[in-house]
Amino acid sequence: MRKLLFMVILLLTFNAQAEDRLMFGINPGAYGQEDQWVLKDAFQPLAEYVGKAAGVRVYTDITQNFKATDEHANTGQYDLLMANTKLIGQVNQESGYFPVAKFKDLHAVLLVKAESPYKTVASLKGSRIGIMSRKKLMGPLAVDFLKNHGFVMSRDFKQVQEIQYQDTLVSLVLEGAVDGVFVAPKIADDAMKVHPGKLRILAKTDPIPGFAIALSRKMPQAQANKITEALLTINQSTSGKAALAAVVGQASGNTALTKTSSEEYSKAMVLLDAAEKLYPPLTK
C-alpha cells in the first residue's frame, strides 16, 4: 500500500512538472553552421522570452531535419513550433497547430541581364527560363507568377531549366545560358553587388507568408493568448529585440513579428501545391 501511494505521488509530481514547462520545436531551415550548441544559443533568448510571457520554463528541440520536425509535431511533442511555410502549412492542416505570428513574407524576383531585350514579363514568351526545383519554395512561386501572366510552362518557353541551387541560376543568366531566372531577393541583390551593371530585376512575384510560430490547439487558451500577445509585441522590449536579433537561419534579419492565421497558410499551401503540378515533366 505504501509503495502504491509513493507511485501515485511520483506520478502526480511528474504531471505537475510537465504542466510547468513547454516544448518549443524549432526548424531554422538551411543554415551554414549546423553545430547544435550554436543553434541552441541562437534560439535560447527567444525561448526565454516566450517562457517569461507564459510564466513557465520553455525547452527547445532544434533540428534542421524537416522529416523529424514533422514527425515530432504529428505525435504532439511540441507545444510551440517555429518552421518554414510548408512545415507550418502541414502541421496546421494535419497536426493540430495554428500559426499566430509570422516573420517576413517571401517572394521571388525575376532576374535578367542588364542589356537583355526583355522589358516586360510578356516579352519572355519563347525565351529560356531558369527556375528553382519544384521542392523549393521559390520554384512554385515563380511558376504561379508565370501562370498568372498567361504562360503555360510546357508550351510558352524555348527551354525551362529546373535547378537546385540559386547561385547556379545566377551563373546561368550571367553566362547567357538562360534569359531569365527567378531567385530570392537577397540572392539577386548580392549578385548585382558582385556584378555591378550586369543584371537587373524585371519583376517580382506576389508574397506568401514565410516562417512562423504556431501553437498547439491543446494549449490552454489563456496561455496561448499570453504567448501570442508577447510575440506580436516582441519588438517593443529590449529582451524581445535581442531575441529576434539572435535568430539564425532563414528567419534571421527580422525586427518584428506580425499577426497571421491558419487561413493565410492554408491559402499558401493551395498555391504551392497547385504550382508544383504545373512544372514540365522531369527529364529522365
Protein backbone atom coordinates (compact mmCIF):
# COMPACT_ATOMS: atom_id res chain seq x y z
CA MET A 1 0.00 0.00 0.00
CA ARG A 2 2.83 2.36 0.93
CA LYS A 3 4.58 1.55 -2.36
CA LEU A 4 1.40 2.24 -4.34
CA LEU A 5 0.95 5.58 -2.56
CA PHE A 6 4.54 6.51 -3.38
CA MET A 7 3.97 5.73 -7.08
CA VAL A 8 0.81 7.86 -7.17
CA ILE A 9 2.63 10.80 -5.56
CA LEU A 10 5.51 10.39 -8.02
CA LEU A 11 3.14 10.35 -10.98
CA LEU A 12 1.28 13.43 -9.76
CA THR A 13 4.59 15.25 -9.24
CA PHE A 14 5.71 14.33 -12.76
CA ASN A 15 2.45 15.54 -14.28
CA ALA A 16 2.64 18.80 -12.36
CA GLN A 17 6.19 19.36 -13.56
CA ALA A 18 5.16 18.57 -17.14
CA GLU A 19 2.45 21.22 -16.94
CA ASP A 20 5.04 23.75 -15.77
CA ARG A 21 7.11 23.55 -18.94
CA LEU A 22 6.63 23.95 -22.67
CA MET A 23 8.47 22.25 -25.53
CA PHE A 24 9.41 24.60 -28.38
CA GLY A 25 10.22 22.83 -31.65
CA ILE A 26 12.42 24.90 -33.97
CA ASN A 27 13.49 24.14 -37.53
CA PRO A 28 15.66 27.07 -38.69
CA GLY A 29 15.91 25.79 -42.26
CA ALA A 30 19.15 25.65 -44.22
CA TYR A 31 21.97 27.25 -42.26
CA GLY A 32 25.72 27.05 -42.76
CA GLN A 33 26.53 26.30 -39.12
CA GLU A 34 24.95 23.02 -38.06
CA ASP A 35 26.56 22.79 -34.62
CA GLN A 36 23.64 22.16 -32.28
CA TRP A 37 25.19 24.19 -29.47
CA VAL A 38 25.44 27.20 -31.76
CA LEU A 39 21.81 26.78 -32.82
CA LYS A 40 20.70 26.32 -29.20
CA ASP A 41 22.47 29.51 -28.13
CA ALA A 42 20.92 31.39 -31.03
CA PHE A 43 17.33 30.46 -30.12
CA GLN A 44 17.64 30.40 -26.32
CA PRO A 45 16.78 34.14 -25.98
CA LEU A 46 13.55 33.55 -27.93
CA ALA A 47 12.67 30.55 -25.76
CA GLU A 48 13.30 32.57 -22.60
CA TYR A 49 11.21 35.45 -23.94
CA VAL A 50 8.29 33.09 -24.61
CA GLY A 51 8.76 31.43 -21.23
CA LYS A 52 8.61 34.73 -19.39
CA ALA A 53 5.34 35.58 -21.11
CA ALA A 54 3.86 32.15 -20.39
CA GLY A 55 5.15 32.00 -16.84
CA VAL A 56 6.79 28.60 -17.40
CA ARG A 57 10.14 27.20 -18.46
CA VAL A 58 10.50 26.63 -22.20
CA TYR A 59 12.75 23.87 -23.55
CA THR A 60 13.88 23.80 -27.17
CA ASP A 61 14.17 20.95 -29.65
CA ILE A 62 16.14 22.30 -32.60
CA THR A 63 16.72 20.32 -35.78
CA GLN A 64 17.30 21.03 -39.47
CA ASN A 65 15.72 17.70 -40.37
CA PHE A 66 12.30 18.53 -41.81
CA LYS A 67 11.03 14.96 -41.56
CA ALA A 68 11.95 14.75 -37.88
CA THR A 69 10.25 18.07 -37.13
CA ASP A 70 7.09 16.94 -38.92
CA GLU A 71 7.06 13.59 -37.07
CA HIS A 72 7.53 15.25 -33.67
CA ALA A 73 4.71 17.67 -34.42
CA ASN A 74 2.44 14.86 -35.59
CA THR A 75 2.97 12.99 -32.33
CA GLY A 76 2.20 16.08 -30.23
CA GLN A 77 5.69 16.51 -28.80
CA TYR A 78 5.66 20.28 -29.28
CA ASP A 79 3.64 22.98 -27.58
CA LEU A 80 5.03 25.57 -29.98
CA LEU A 81 6.67 25.20 -33.37
CA MET A 82 8.76 27.59 -35.44
CA ALA A 83 9.26 26.48 -39.04
CA ASN A 84 9.07 27.46 -42.70
CA THR A 85 5.98 27.98 -44.83
CA LYS A 86 5.47 24.37 -45.88
CA LEU A 87 6.00 22.86 -42.43
CA ILE A 88 3.70 25.37 -40.78
CA GLY A 89 1.13 24.72 -43.50
CA GLN A 90 1.37 20.97 -42.98
CA VAL A 91 1.06 20.99 -39.18
CA ASN A 92 -1.77 23.49 -39.47
CA GLN A 93 -3.70 21.09 -41.70
CA GLU A 94 -2.72 17.76 -40.18
CA SER A 95 -1.30 18.03 -36.66
CA GLY A 96 -3.40 20.41 -34.60
CA TYR A 97 -1.28 23.58 -34.65
CA PHE A 98 -2.32 27.10 -35.57
CA PRO A 99 0.09 29.88 -36.64
CA VAL A 100 -0.16 33.10 -34.63
CA ALA A 101 2.92 35.17 -35.52
CA LYS A 102 4.90 35.25 -38.75
CA PHE A 103 8.29 36.51 -39.77
CA LYS A 104 8.69 38.47 -43.02
CA ASP A 105 6.76 37.42 -46.12
CA LEU A 106 8.61 35.80 -49.00
CA HIS A 107 8.67 36.49 -52.72
CA ALA A 108 10.88 35.76 -55.71
CA VAL A 109 12.30 38.20 -58.26
CA LEU A 110 12.83 37.74 -61.99
CA LEU A 111 16.45 38.49 -62.84
CA VAL A 112 17.70 39.18 -66.38
CA LYS A 113 20.92 40.54 -67.88
CA ALA A 114 21.03 44.33 -67.89
CA GLU A 115 21.40 44.56 -71.67
CA SER A 116 18.81 41.90 -72.48
CA PRO A 117 15.92 42.84 -74.81
CA TYR A 118 13.30 41.75 -72.26
CA LYS A 119 11.45 44.77 -70.90
CA THR A 120 8.16 43.17 -69.83
CA VAL A 121 7.11 39.80 -68.48
CA ALA A 122 5.06 39.19 -71.64
CA SER A 123 8.18 39.58 -73.79
CA LEU A 124 9.64 36.44 -72.21
CA LYS A 125 7.48 34.22 -74.41
CA GLY A 126 9.73 31.86 -76.34
CA SER A 127 12.73 32.55 -74.08
CA ARG A 128 14.85 30.26 -71.90
CA ILE A 129 13.90 30.33 -68.23
CA GLY A 130 15.65 29.03 -65.13
CA ILE A 131 13.60 28.26 -62.01
CA MET A 132 14.20 26.60 -58.68
CA SER A 133 13.34 22.97 -58.02
CA ARG A 134 9.65 22.18 -57.51
CA LYS A 135 10.58 21.09 -53.98
CA LYS A 136 11.90 24.56 -53.09
CA LEU A 137 9.52 27.37 -52.22
CA MET A 138 10.99 29.85 -54.73
CA GLY A 139 10.26 27.47 -57.61
CA PRO A 140 6.47 27.14 -57.24
CA LEU A 141 6.26 30.88 -56.53
CA ALA A 142 7.84 31.54 -59.93
CA VAL A 143 5.58 29.05 -61.69
CA ASP A 144 2.47 30.56 -60.10
CA PHE A 145 3.63 34.04 -61.18
CA LEU A 146 4.11 32.89 -64.80
CA LYS A 147 0.72 31.14 -64.78
CA ASN A 148 -0.92 34.37 -63.63
CA HIS A 149 0.73 36.13 -66.57
CA GLY A 150 -0.77 33.66 -69.03
CA PHE A 151 2.20 31.34 -69.53
CA VAL A 152 1.99 27.56 -69.85
CA MET A 153 5.32 26.15 -68.71
CA SER A 154 5.42 23.27 -71.19
CA ARG A 155 4.32 25.39 -74.16
CA ASP A 156 5.46 29.01 -73.99
CA PHE A 157 9.20 28.73 -73.39
CA LYS A 158 12.01 27.55 -75.61
CA GLN A 159 13.61 25.92 -72.58
CA VAL A 160 12.84 25.55 -68.86
CA GLN A 161 15.72 24.56 -66.59
CA GLU A 162 14.77 23.33 -63.13
CA ILE A 163 17.77 23.96 -60.87
CA GLN A 164 18.50 23.01 -57.26
CA TYR A 165 20.64 25.99 -56.24
CA GLN A 166 20.03 29.72 -56.63
CA ASP A 167 23.70 30.55 -57.13
CA THR A 168 23.69 28.23 -60.14
CA LEU A 169 20.72 30.12 -61.58
CA VAL A 170 22.58 33.41 -61.26
CA SER A 171 25.61 31.91 -63.03
CA LEU A 172 23.41 30.62 -65.86
CA VAL A 173 21.88 34.02 -66.59
CA LEU A 174 25.27 35.77 -66.39
CA GLU A 175 26.74 33.24 -68.84
CA GLY A 176 23.81 33.69 -71.22
CA ALA A 177 22.77 30.05 -70.85
CA VAL A 178 19.25 31.23 -69.93
CA ASP A 179 17.45 34.52 -70.48
CA GLY A 180 15.88 34.95 -67.06
CA VAL A 181 15.86 33.33 -63.64
CA PHE A 182 13.72 33.51 -60.51
CA VAL A 183 15.63 33.80 -57.23
CA ALA A 184 15.17 35.20 -53.73
CA PRO A 185 15.59 39.00 -53.40
CA LYS A 186 18.74 38.67 -51.28
CA ILE A 187 20.37 36.41 -53.87
CA ALA A 188 19.52 38.94 -56.58
CA ASP A 189 20.79 41.89 -54.51
CA ASP A 190 24.06 40.10 -53.71
CA ALA A 191 24.55 39.16 -57.37
CA MET A 192 24.00 42.75 -58.52
CA LYS A 193 26.54 43.99 -55.98
CA VAL A 194 29.14 41.45 -57.09
CA HIS A 195 28.40 42.09 -60.78
CA PRO A 196 27.52 45.81 -60.95
CA GLY A 197 25.74 46.86 -64.12
CA LYS A 198 25.38 43.27 -65.34
CA LEU A 199 21.92 42.36 -64.04
CA ARG A 200 18.52 43.92 -63.40
CA ILE A 201 15.25 42.88 -61.80
CA LEU A 202 12.40 42.67 -64.30
CA ALA A 203 9.56 41.74 -61.94
CA LYS A 204 8.70 40.22 -58.58
CA THR A 205 6.13 37.66 -57.53
CA ASP A 206 3.32 38.22 -55.08
CA PRO A 207 4.35 37.47 -51.48
CA ILE A 208 3.35 34.49 -49.39
CA PRO A 209 3.84 34.05 -45.63
CA GLY A 210 7.25 32.80 -44.59
CA PHE A 211 8.49 31.37 -41.29
CA ALA A 212 6.01 31.45 -38.44
CA ILE A 213 5.44 30.34 -34.87
CA ALA A 214 2.45 28.07 -34.35
CA LEU A 215 0.83 26.90 -31.10
CA SER A 216 -0.71 23.56 -30.26
CA ARG A 217 -4.50 23.57 -30.15
CA LYS A 218 -4.16 21.66 -26.86
CA MET A 219 -2.58 24.68 -25.19
CA PRO A 220 -4.89 26.38 -22.64
CA GLN A 221 -6.47 29.45 -24.21
CA ALA A 222 -5.22 31.83 -21.52
CA GLN A 223 -1.65 30.68 -22.04
CA ALA A 224 -1.99 30.84 -25.85
CA ASN A 225 -3.27 34.41 -25.55
CA LYS A 226 -0.30 35.46 -23.40
CA ILE A 227 2.24 33.94 -25.78
CA THR A 228 0.53 35.38 -28.85
CA GLU A 229 0.46 38.87 -27.35
CA ALA A 230 4.13 38.60 -26.39
CA LEU A 231 5.14 37.50 -29.89
CA LEU A 232 3.20 40.28 -31.60
CA THR A 233 4.80 42.90 -29.35
CA ILE A 234 8.29 41.37 -29.37
CA ASN A 235 9.80 44.49 -30.91
CA GLN A 236 8.62 46.66 -28.03
CA SER A 237 11.06 45.40 -25.38
CA THR A 238 14.81 45.11 -25.09
CA SER A 239 14.66 41.36 -24.46
CA GLY A 240 12.32 40.85 -27.41
CA LYS A 241 14.53 42.80 -29.80
CA ALA A 242 17.56 40.84 -28.60
CA ALA A 243 15.71 37.55 -29.11
CA LEU A 244 14.91 38.41 -32.74
CA ALA A 245 18.44 39.68 -33.38
CA ALA A 246 19.89 36.37 -32.18
CA VAL A 247 17.83 34.24 -34.58
CA VAL A 248 19.86 32.47 -37.28
CA GLY A 249 18.87 30.59 -40.40
CA GLN A 250 16.28 31.55 -42.97
CA ALA A 251 14.21 33.56 -40.47
CA SER A 252 17.07 35.84 -39.48
CA GLY A 253 17.06 39.58 -40.06
CA ASN A 254 13.57 40.30 -38.73
CA THR A 255 12.90 43.21 -36.40
CA ALA A 256 9.25 42.38 -35.67
CA LEU A 257 6.62 39.64 -35.97
CA THR A 258 3.17 40.19 -37.44
CA LYS A 259 -0.20 38.58 -36.88
CA THR A 260 -1.12 35.63 -39.07
CA SER A 261 -3.77 32.92 -39.28
CA SER A 262 -4.46 29.34 -40.30
CA GLU A 263 -6.31 30.66 -43.33
CA GLU A 264 -3.24 32.50 -44.60
CA TYR A 265 -1.09 29.36 -44.51
CA SER A 266 -3.86 27.19 -45.95
CA LYS A 267 -4.02 29.51 -48.96
CA ALA A 268 -0.24 29.38 -49.34
CA MET A 269 -0.31 25.58 -49.34
CA VAL A 270 -3.01 25.53 -52.03
CA LEU A 271 -0.90 27.89 -54.18
CA LEU A 272 2.30 25.87 -53.75
CA ASP A 273 0.64 22.50 -54.36
CA ALA A 274 -1.12 23.75 -57.50
CA ALA A 275 2.03 25.40 -58.89
CA GLU A 276 4.11 22.27 -58.34
CA LYS A 277 1.77 20.39 -60.69
CA LEU A 278 2.36 22.98 -63.46
CA TYR A 279 6.07 22.16 -63.83
CA PRO A 280 7.12 20.49 -67.07
CA PRO A 281 7.69 16.72 -66.65
CA LEU A 282 11.12 15.86 -65.27
CA THR A 283 13.53 14.59 -67.92
CA LYS A 284 14.98 11.17 -67.16
